[in-house]
């Protein structure tokens, strides 16, 4: 089998696997997060659920750098259409990853690619995506070997093929050496949408990247809280001006 065919079949296997599960399965073995058992809802929580491990706040000062894994995407089991182009998948994953990196760099963290004793490891997933089949003219065919501007394509086309209005986002922060879970969170579109926004409406690419930016800002806020006095903690929910989390 030649290289081109190998890549093609690998992509098909990946898409079928993604289509089989939602971001949060009913069993720990099938879920994205390392551990769901400690998650809980809090009235001042900027996410739907969150968890901070015992002693994690005290240890936070030792971390100077962050590894951010490429986010994973999960298709909702009820999605009738299961196909999604790898470039579209990458554009969504990269948008979330870049939002996190931008916010954490602004907070003074170095973004690195290798684990170490002063490095945190951040994992994220976007789930409950509903794919929509879209008729495309033959002229929309992308020639093999052509360079595709994924960002431009995303702005004009991706959110017309992927319904994210009921998306779920999950994430966790781990020690990059021991893989110990230091914290975890879950969020829905409703908890991230700005006040007055109709969360039942479809999401444009601009709105989607805005939601990802809010995730980054709130994660940054929670990390900054760990190195300040508790009396000075920001509730973080005000970032994005949400009605759900004051």
C-alpha atoms as a PDB file:
ATOM      1  CA  UNK A   1       0.000   0.000   0.000  1.00  0.00           C
ATOM      2  CA  UNK A   2       1.492   3.381  -0.980  1.00  0.00           C
ATOM      3  CA  UNK A   3       1.917   6.288   1.442  1.00  0.00           C
ATOM      4  CA  UNK A   4      -1.064   8.234   0.124  1.00  0.00           C
ATOM      5  CA  UNK A   5      -3.440   5.332   0.602  1.00  0.00           C
ATOM      6  CA  UNK A   6      -2.040   4.617   4.074  1.00  0.00           C
ATOM      7  CA  UNK A   7      -2.754   8.220   5.134  1.00  0.00           C
ATOM      8  CA  UNK A   8      -6.266   8.028   3.655  1.00  0.00           C
ATOM      9  CA  UNK A   9      -7.228   4.842   5.508  1.00  0.00           C
ATOM     10  CA  UNK A  10      -5.689   6.103   8.751  1.00  0.00           C
ATOM     11  CA  UNK A  11      -7.854   9.226   8.512  1.00  0.00           C
ATOM     12  CA  UNK A  12     -10.971   7.107   7.925  1.00  0.00           C
ATOM     13  CA  UNK A  13     -10.253   4.947  10.973  1.00  0.00           C
ATOM     14  CA  UNK A  14      -9.788   8.065  13.097  1.00  0.00           C
ATOM     15  CA  UNK A  15     -13.102   9.591  11.957  1.00  0.00           C
ATOM     16  CA  UNK A  16     -15.036   6.368  12.615  1.00  0.00           C
ATOM     17  CA  UNK A  17     -13.510   6.126  16.092  1.00  0.00           C
ATOM     18  CA  UNK A  18     -14.455   9.722  16.893  1.00  0.00           C
ATOM     19  CA  UNK A  19     -17.989   9.182  15.693  1.00  0.00           C
ATOM     20  CA  UNK A  20     -18.505   6.321  18.139  1.00  0.00           C
ATOM     21  CA  UNK A  21     -18.336   8.320  21.366  1.00  0.00           C
ATOM     22  CA  UNK A  22     -19.288  11.597  22.979  1.00  0.00           C
ATOM     23  CA  UNK A  23     -16.725  13.603  24.910  1.00  0.00           C
ATOM     24  CA  UNK A  24     -17.921  12.231  28.251  1.00  0.00           C
ATOM     25  CA  UNK A  25     -18.705   8.559  28.332  1.00  0.00           C
ATOM     26  CA  UNK A  26     -20.683   6.816  31.061  1.00  0.00           C
ATOM     27  CA  UNK A  27     -17.649   4.845  32.206  1.00  0.00           C
ATOM     28  CA  UNK A  28     -14.295   6.241  33.378  1.00  0.00           C
ATOM     29  CA  UNK A  29     -12.530   4.008  30.858  1.00  0.00           C
ATOM     30  CA  UNK A  30     -14.328   5.703  27.961  1.00  0.00           C
ATOM     31  CA  UNK A  31     -14.161   9.301  29.138  1.00  0.00           C
ATOM     32  CA  UNK A  32     -11.631  11.903  28.054  1.00  0.00           C
ATOM     33  CA  UNK A  33     -10.504  13.047  31.499  1.00  0.00           C
ATOM     34  CA  UNK A  34      -8.148  10.984  33.614  1.00  0.00           C
ATOM     35  CA  UNK A  35     -10.639  11.089  36.501  1.00  0.00           C
ATOM     36  CA  UNK A  36     -14.211  12.410  36.733  1.00  0.00           C
ATOM     37  CA  UNK A  37     -14.932  11.327  40.295  1.00  0.00           C
ATOM     38  CA  UNK A  38     -13.873  14.580  41.985  1.00  0.00           C
ATOM     39  CA  UNK A  39     -15.683  17.058  39.742  1.00  0.00           C
ATOM     40  CA  UNK A  40     -18.286  19.208  41.454  1.00  0.00           C
ATOM     41  CA  UNK A  41     -20.454  22.234  40.765  1.00  0.00           C
ATOM     42  CA  UNK A  42     -19.680  25.499  42.569  1.00  0.00           C
ATOM     43  CA  UNK A  43     -21.688  28.720  42.616  1.00  0.00           C
ATOM     44  CA  UNK A  44     -18.590  30.810  41.902  1.00  0.00           C
ATOM     45  CA  UNK A  45     -17.168  28.348  39.406  1.00  0.00           C
ATOM     46  CA  UNK A  46     -16.354  29.787  35.964  1.00  0.00           C
ATOM     47  CA  UNK A  47     -17.032  26.359  34.455  1.00  0.00           C
ATOM     48  CA  UNK A  48     -19.922  23.882  34.823  1.00  0.00           C
ATOM     49  CA  UNK A  49     -17.843  21.566  37.008  1.00  0.00           C
ATOM     50  CA  UNK A  50     -14.317  21.723  38.327  1.00  0.00           C
ATOM     51  CA  UNK A  51     -11.799  20.057  40.599  1.00  0.00           C
ATOM     52  CA  UNK A  52      -8.560  21.206  42.223  1.00  0.00           C
ATOM     53  CA  UNK A  53      -6.433  18.468  43.768  1.00  0.00           C
ATOM     54  CA  UNK A  54      -5.386  18.772  47.418  1.00  0.00           C
ATOM     55  CA  UNK A  55      -2.158  20.747  47.626  1.00  0.00           C
ATOM     56  CA  UNK A  56      -2.303  21.807  43.967  1.00  0.00           C
ATOM     57  CA  UNK A  57      -2.616  25.493  44.810  1.00  0.00           C
ATOM     58  CA  UNK A  58       0.438  25.312  47.051  1.00  0.00           C
ATOM     59  CA  UNK A  59       2.422  23.538  44.339  1.00  0.00           C
ATOM     60  CA  UNK A  60       1.401  25.958  41.590  1.00  0.00           C
ATOM     61  CA  UNK A  61       4.383  28.262  42.081  1.00  0.00           C
ATOM     62  CA  UNK A  62       6.782  25.515  40.968  1.00  0.00           C
ATOM     63  CA  UNK A  63       5.332  25.467  37.451  1.00  0.00           C
ATOM     64  CA  UNK A  64       6.930  27.912  35.028  1.00  0.00           C
ATOM     65  CA  UNK A  65       6.013  26.298  31.704  1.00  0.00           C
ATOM     66  CA  UNK A  66       3.090  24.525  30.037  1.00  0.00           C
ATOM     67  CA  UNK A  67       2.741  21.739  27.483  1.00  0.00           C
ATOM     68  CA  UNK A  68      -0.577  22.055  25.628  1.00  0.00           C
ATOM     69  CA  UNK A  69      -1.607  18.900  23.841  1.00  0.00           C
ATOM     70  CA  UNK A  70      -3.550  19.137  20.585  1.00  0.00           C
ATOM     71  CA  UNK A  71      -7.247  19.094  21.619  1.00  0.00           C
ATOM     72  CA  UNK A  72      -9.338  16.041  20.779  1.00  0.00           C
ATOM     73  CA  UNK A  73     -12.721  16.208  19.019  1.00  0.00           C
ATOM     74  CA  UNK A  74     -15.694  13.956  19.725  1.00  0.00           C
ATOM     75  CA  UNK A  75     -18.767  13.555  17.522  1.00  0.00           C
ATOM     76  CA  UNK A  76     -22.107  13.145  19.292  1.00  0.00           C
ATOM     77  CA  UNK A  77     -23.468   9.587  18.925  1.00  0.00           C
ATOM     78  CA  UNK A  78     -26.769  10.934  17.572  1.00  0.00           C
ATOM     79  CA  UNK A  79     -25.077  12.748  14.679  1.00  0.00           C
ATOM     80  CA  UNK A  80     -26.515  11.121  11.570  1.00  0.00           C
ATOM     81  CA  UNK A  81     -23.608  12.210   9.411  1.00  0.00           C
ATOM     82  CA  UNK A  82     -20.200  10.984  10.587  1.00  0.00           C
ATOM     83  CA  UNK A  83     -17.721  12.381   8.041  1.00  0.00           C
ATOM     84  CA  UNK A  84     -15.433  15.341   8.685  1.00  0.00           C
ATOM     85  CA  UNK A  85     -12.394  16.494   6.744  1.00  0.00           C
ATOM     86  CA  UNK A  86      -9.098  16.304   8.664  1.00  0.00           C
ATOM     87  CA  UNK A  87      -8.315  19.945   7.773  1.00  0.00           C
ATOM     88  CA  UNK A  88     -11.612  21.048   9.354  1.00  0.00           C
ATOM     89  CA  UNK A  89     -10.901  19.002  12.465  1.00  0.00           C
ATOM     90  CA  UNK A  90      -7.441  20.509  12.734  1.00  0.00           C
ATOM     91  CA  UNK A  91      -8.733  24.063  12.323  1.00  0.00           C
ATOM     92  CA  UNK A  92     -11.107  23.636  15.296  1.00  0.00           C
ATOM     93  CA  UNK A  93      -8.481  21.918  17.462  1.00  0.00           C
ATOM     94  CA  UNK A  94      -5.825  24.491  16.588  1.00  0.00           C
ATOM     95  CA  UNK A  95      -8.168  27.389  17.385  1.00  0.00           C
ATOM     96  CA  UNK A  96      -8.705  26.100  20.933  1.00  0.00           C
ATOM     97  CA  UNK A  97      -5.029  25.278  21.417  1.00  0.00           C
ATOM     98  CA  UNK A  98      -3.919  28.712  20.197  1.00  0.00           C
ATOM     99  CA  UNK A  99      -6.431  30.458  22.484  1.00  0.00           C
ATOM    100  CA  UNK A 100      -5.041  28.600  25.497  1.00  0.00           C
ATOM    101  CA  UNK A 101      -1.434  29.272  24.494  1.00  0.00           C
ATOM    102  CA  UNK A 102      -2.085  32.980  23.966  1.00  0.00           C
ATOM    103  CA  UNK A 103      -3.661  33.433  27.404  1.00  0.00           C
ATOM    104  CA  UNK A 104      -1.084  31.367  29.291  1.00  0.00           C
ATOM    105  CA  UNK A 105       1.820  33.145  27.609  1.00  0.00           C
ATOM    106  CA  UNK A 106       0.256  36.450  28.650  1.00  0.00           C
ATOM    107  CA  UNK A 107       0.292  35.138  32.222  1.00  0.00           C
ATOM    108  CA  UNK A 108       4.042  34.508  32.039  1.00  0.00           C
ATOM    109  CA  UNK A 109       4.117  30.789  31.279  1.00  0.00           C
ATOM    110  CA  UNK A 110       6.539  29.462  28.675  1.00  0.00           C
ATOM    111  CA  UNK A 111       4.922  27.127  26.131  1.00  0.00           C
ATOM    112  CA  UNK A 112       7.124  24.050  25.719  1.00  0.00           C
ATOM    113  CA  UNK A 113       7.075  20.644  24.019  1.00  0.00           C
ATOM    114  CA  UNK A 114       8.903  18.533  26.593  1.00  0.00           C
ATOM    115  CA  UNK A 115       7.914  17.431  30.126  1.00  0.00           C
ATOM    116  CA  UNK A 116       9.895  18.504  33.159  1.00  0.00           C
ATOM    117  CA  UNK A 117       9.619  19.116  36.923  1.00  0.00           C
ATOM    118  CA  UNK A 118       8.436  22.705  36.395  1.00  0.00           C
ATOM    119  CA  UNK A 119       6.082  21.942  33.492  1.00  0.00           C
ATOM    120  CA  UNK A 120       2.301  21.510  33.562  1.00  0.00           C
ATOM    121  CA  UNK A 121       0.538  19.425  30.925  1.00  0.00           C
ATOM    122  CA  UNK A 122      -2.851  20.681  29.657  1.00  0.00           C
ATOM    123  CA  UNK A 123      -5.288  18.412  27.809  1.00  0.00           C
ATOM    124  CA  UNK A 124      -8.541  19.635  26.210  1.00  0.00           C
ATOM    125  CA  UNK A 125     -11.418  18.131  24.246  1.00  0.00           C
ATOM    126  CA  UNK A 126     -14.413  19.510  22.343  1.00  0.00           C
ATOM    127  CA  UNK A 127     -17.356  17.149  22.280  1.00  0.00           C
ATOM    128  CA  UNK A 128     -20.986  16.679  21.264  1.00  0.00           C
ATOM    129  CA  UNK A 129     -20.286  17.939  17.748  1.00  0.00           C
ATOM    130  CA  UNK A 130     -23.096  17.292  15.283  1.00  0.00           C
ATOM    131  CA  UNK A 131     -21.908  16.997  11.693  1.00  0.00           C
ATOM    132  CA  UNK A 132     -24.010  18.180   8.798  1.00  0.00           C
ATOM    133  CA  UNK A 133     -23.696  16.873   5.286  1.00  0.00           C
ATOM    134  CA  UNK A 134     -23.131  19.682   2.839  1.00  0.00           C
ATOM    135  CA  UNK A 135     -23.422  19.406  -0.917  1.00  0.00           C
ATOM    136  CA  UNK A 136     -20.260  20.676  -2.558  1.00  0.00           C
ATOM    137  CA  UNK A 137     -19.776  21.395  -6.269  1.00  0.00           C
ATOM    138  CA  UNK A 138     -17.013  19.584  -8.109  1.00  0.00           C
ATOM    139  CA  UNK A 139     -15.149  22.899  -8.392  1.00  0.00           C
ATOM    140  CA  UNK A 140     -14.731  22.847  -4.599  1.00  0.00           C
ATOM    141  CA  UNK A 141     -12.463  19.814  -4.994  1.00  0.00           C
ATOM    142  CA  UNK A 142      -9.036  20.341  -3.393  1.00  0.00           C
ATOM    143  CA  UNK A 143      -6.207  19.055  -5.629  1.00  0.00           C
ATOM    144  CA  UNK A 144      -3.763  16.607  -4.052  1.00  0.00           C
ATOM    145  CA  UNK A 145      -0.715  18.484  -2.782  1.00  0.00           C
ATOM    146  CA  UNK A 146      -2.428  21.876  -2.781  1.00  0.00           C
ATOM    147  CA  UNK A 147      -1.722  24.183   0.134  1.00  0.00           C
ATOM    148  CA  UNK A 148      -4.993  24.889   1.944  1.00  0.00           C
ATOM    149  CA  UNK A 149      -5.483  28.025   3.995  1.00  0.00           C
ATOM    150  CA  UNK A 150      -7.282  26.322   6.883  1.00  0.00           C
ATOM    151  CA  UNK A 151      -8.064  29.526   8.761  1.00  0.00           C
ATOM    152  CA  UNK A 152      -9.763  31.142   5.765  1.00  0.00           C
ATOM    153  CA  UNK A 153     -11.649  27.946   5.028  1.00  0.00           C
ATOM    154  CA  UNK A 154     -12.788  27.707   8.642  1.00  0.00           C
ATOM    155  CA  UNK A 155     -14.164  31.226   8.716  1.00  0.00           C
ATOM    156  CA  UNK A 156     -16.355  30.662   5.681  1.00  0.00           C
ATOM    157  CA  UNK A 157     -17.259  27.001   5.793  1.00  0.00           C
ATOM    158  CA  UNK A 158     -16.554  24.905   8.891  1.00  0.00           C
ATOM    159  CA  UNK A 159     -19.395  26.041  11.133  1.00  0.00           C
ATOM    160  CA  UNK A 160     -21.843  25.438   8.302  1.00  0.00           C
ATOM    161  CA  UNK A 161     -20.814  21.767   8.403  1.00  0.00           C
ATOM    162  CA  UNK A 162     -20.323  21.314  12.149  1.00  0.00           C
ATOM    163  CA  UNK A 163     -23.095  22.257  14.568  1.00  0.00           C
ATOM    164  CA  UNK A 164     -21.425  23.306  17.834  1.00  0.00           C
ATOM    165  CA  UNK A 165     -24.385  24.983  19.554  1.00  0.00           C
ATOM    166  CA  UNK A 166     -24.554  22.172  22.142  1.00  0.00           C
ATOM    167  CA  UNK A 167     -20.831  21.519  22.360  1.00  0.00           C
ATOM    168  CA  UNK A 168     -19.103  20.428  25.540  1.00  0.00           C
ATOM    169  CA  UNK A 169     -15.533  21.266  26.493  1.00  0.00           C
ATOM    170  CA  UNK A 170     -13.493  19.234  28.959  1.00  0.00           C
ATOM    171  CA  UNK A 171      -9.971  19.853  30.153  1.00  0.00           C
ATOM    172  CA  UNK A 172      -7.455  18.931  32.783  1.00  0.00           C
ATOM    173  CA  UNK A 173      -4.092  20.075  34.093  1.00  0.00           C
ATOM    174  CA  UNK A 174      -1.567  17.365  34.921  1.00  0.00           C
ATOM    175  CA  UNK A 175       1.951  17.252  36.259  1.00  0.00           C
ATOM    176  CA  UNK A 176       3.963  16.567  33.098  1.00  0.00           C
ATOM    177  CA  UNK A 177       6.285  14.084  34.828  1.00  0.00           C
ATOM    178  CA  UNK A 178       3.979  12.069  37.098  1.00  0.00           C
ATOM    179  CA  UNK A 179       0.724  12.579  35.101  1.00  0.00           C
ATOM    180  CA  UNK A 180      -1.005  13.382  38.404  1.00  0.00           C
ATOM    181  CA  UNK A 181      -4.254  15.257  37.833  1.00  0.00           C
ATOM    182  CA  UNK A 182      -3.906  18.699  39.432  1.00  0.00           C
ATOM    183  CA  UNK A 183      -7.232  20.037  38.249  1.00  0.00           C
ATOM    184  CA  UNK A 184     -10.079  19.414  35.815  1.00  0.00           C
ATOM    185  CA  UNK A 185     -13.066  21.212  34.331  1.00  0.00           C
ATOM    186  CA  UNK A 186     -16.097  20.823  32.118  1.00  0.00           C
ATOM    187  CA  UNK A 187     -17.961  23.599  30.309  1.00  0.00           C
ATOM    188  CA  UNK A 188     -20.926  23.899  27.981  1.00  0.00           C
ATOM    189  CA  UNK A 189     -21.711  26.513  25.385  1.00  0.00           C
ATOM    190  CA  UNK A 190     -24.356  27.905  27.730  1.00  0.00           C
ATOM    191  CA  UNK A 191     -21.878  28.507  30.547  1.00  0.00           C
ATOM    192  CA  UNK A 192     -19.472  30.278  28.183  1.00  0.00           C
ATOM    193  CA  UNK A 193     -21.920  32.392  26.172  1.00  0.00           C
ATOM    194  CA  UNK A 194     -22.088  36.100  26.939  1.00  0.00           C
ATOM    195  CA  UNK A 195     -25.085  37.526  28.757  1.00  0.00           C
ATOM    196  CA  UNK A 196     -28.060  38.013  26.480  1.00  0.00           C
ATOM    197  CA  UNK A 197     -26.815  35.496  23.905  1.00  0.00           C
ATOM    198  CA  UNK A 198     -29.334  32.937  22.682  1.00  0.00           C
ATOM    199  CA  UNK A 199     -27.460  29.674  23.311  1.00  0.00           C
ATOM    200  CA  UNK A 200     -29.937  27.777  21.106  1.00  0.00           C
ATOM    201  CA  UNK A 201     -28.727  29.479  17.936  1.00  0.00           C
ATOM    202  CA  UNK A 202     -26.000  28.144  15.685  1.00  0.00           C
ATOM    203  CA  UNK A 203     -22.470  29.431  16.196  1.00  0.00           C
ATOM    204  CA  UNK A 204     -20.374  31.272  13.627  1.00  0.00           C
ATOM    205  CA  UNK A 205     -16.622  30.735  13.359  1.00  0.00           C
ATOM    206  CA  UNK A 206     -16.028  34.139  14.989  1.00  0.00           C
ATOM    207  CA  UNK A 207     -18.308  33.220  17.887  1.00  0.00           C
ATOM    208  CA  UNK A 208     -16.667  29.807  18.265  1.00  0.00           C
ATOM    209  CA  UNK A 209     -13.174  31.275  18.526  1.00  0.00           C
ATOM    210  CA  UNK A 210     -14.591  33.800  21.001  1.00  0.00           C
ATOM    211  CA  UNK A 211     -15.868  30.950  23.198  1.00  0.00           C
ATOM    212  CA  UNK A 212     -12.465  29.275  23.019  1.00  0.00           C
ATOM    213  CA  UNK A 213     -10.881  32.549  24.088  1.00  0.00           C
ATOM    214  CA  UNK A 214     -13.150  32.640  27.146  1.00  0.00           C
ATOM    215  CA  UNK A 215     -12.010  29.121  28.079  1.00  0.00           C
ATOM    216  CA  UNK A 216      -8.406  30.308  27.874  1.00  0.00           C
ATOM    217  CA  UNK A 217      -9.083  33.434  29.945  1.00  0.00           C
ATOM    218  CA  UNK A 218     -10.834  31.468  32.674  1.00  0.00           C
ATOM    219  CA  UNK A 219      -8.134  28.808  32.825  1.00  0.00           C
ATOM    220  CA  UNK A 220      -5.545  31.565  33.066  1.00  0.00           C
ATOM    221  CA  UNK A 221      -7.572  33.232  35.819  1.00  0.00           C
ATOM    222  CA  UNK A 222      -7.824  30.010  37.842  1.00  0.00           C
ATOM    223  CA  UNK A 223      -4.065  29.435  37.549  1.00  0.00           C
ATOM    224  CA  UNK A 224      -3.309  33.008  38.568  1.00  0.00           C
ATOM    225  CA  UNK A 225      -5.544  32.549  41.618  1.00  0.00           C
ATOM    226  CA  UNK A 226      -3.315  29.715  42.808  1.00  0.00           C
ATOM    227  CA  UNK A 227      -0.387  32.083  43.363  1.00  0.00           C
ATOM    228  CA  UNK A 228      -2.299  34.889  45.087  1.00  0.00           C
ATOM    229  CA  UNK A 229      -3.919  35.270  48.503  1.00  0.00           C
ATOM    230  CA  UNK A 230      -7.360  33.696  48.736  1.00  0.00           C
ATOM    231  CA  UNK A 231      -8.798  37.080  49.760  1.00  0.00           C
ATOM    232  CA  UNK A 232      -7.621  38.434  46.387  1.00  0.00           C
ATOM    233  CA  UNK A 233      -8.946  35.618  44.221  1.00  0.00           C
ATOM    234  CA  UNK A 234     -10.892  36.551  41.114  1.00  0.00           C
ATOM    235  CA  UNK A 235     -14.084  34.495  40.717  1.00  0.00           C
ATOM    236  CA  UNK A 236     -13.164  34.224  37.024  1.00  0.00           C
ATOM    237  CA  UNK A 237     -16.779  33.785  35.925  1.00  0.00           C
ATOM    238  CA  UNK A 238     -16.971  37.469  35.071  1.00  0.00           C
ATOM    239  CA  UNK A 239     -14.582  36.823  32.195  1.00  0.00           C
ATOM    240  CA  UNK A 240     -16.925  36.673  29.222  1.00  0.00           C
ATOM    241  CA  UNK A 241     -19.680  38.396  31.224  1.00  0.00           C
ATOM    242  CA  UNK A 242     -21.797  35.265  31.470  1.00  0.00           C
ATOM    243  CA  UNK A 243     -25.234  35.190  32.961  1.00  0.00           C
ATOM    244  CA  UNK A 244     -24.830  31.576  34.127  1.00  0.00           C
ATOM    245  CA  UNK A 245     -21.709  32.106  36.250  1.00  0.00           C
ATOM    246  CA  UNK A 246     -21.507  35.469  38.048  1.00  0.00           C
END
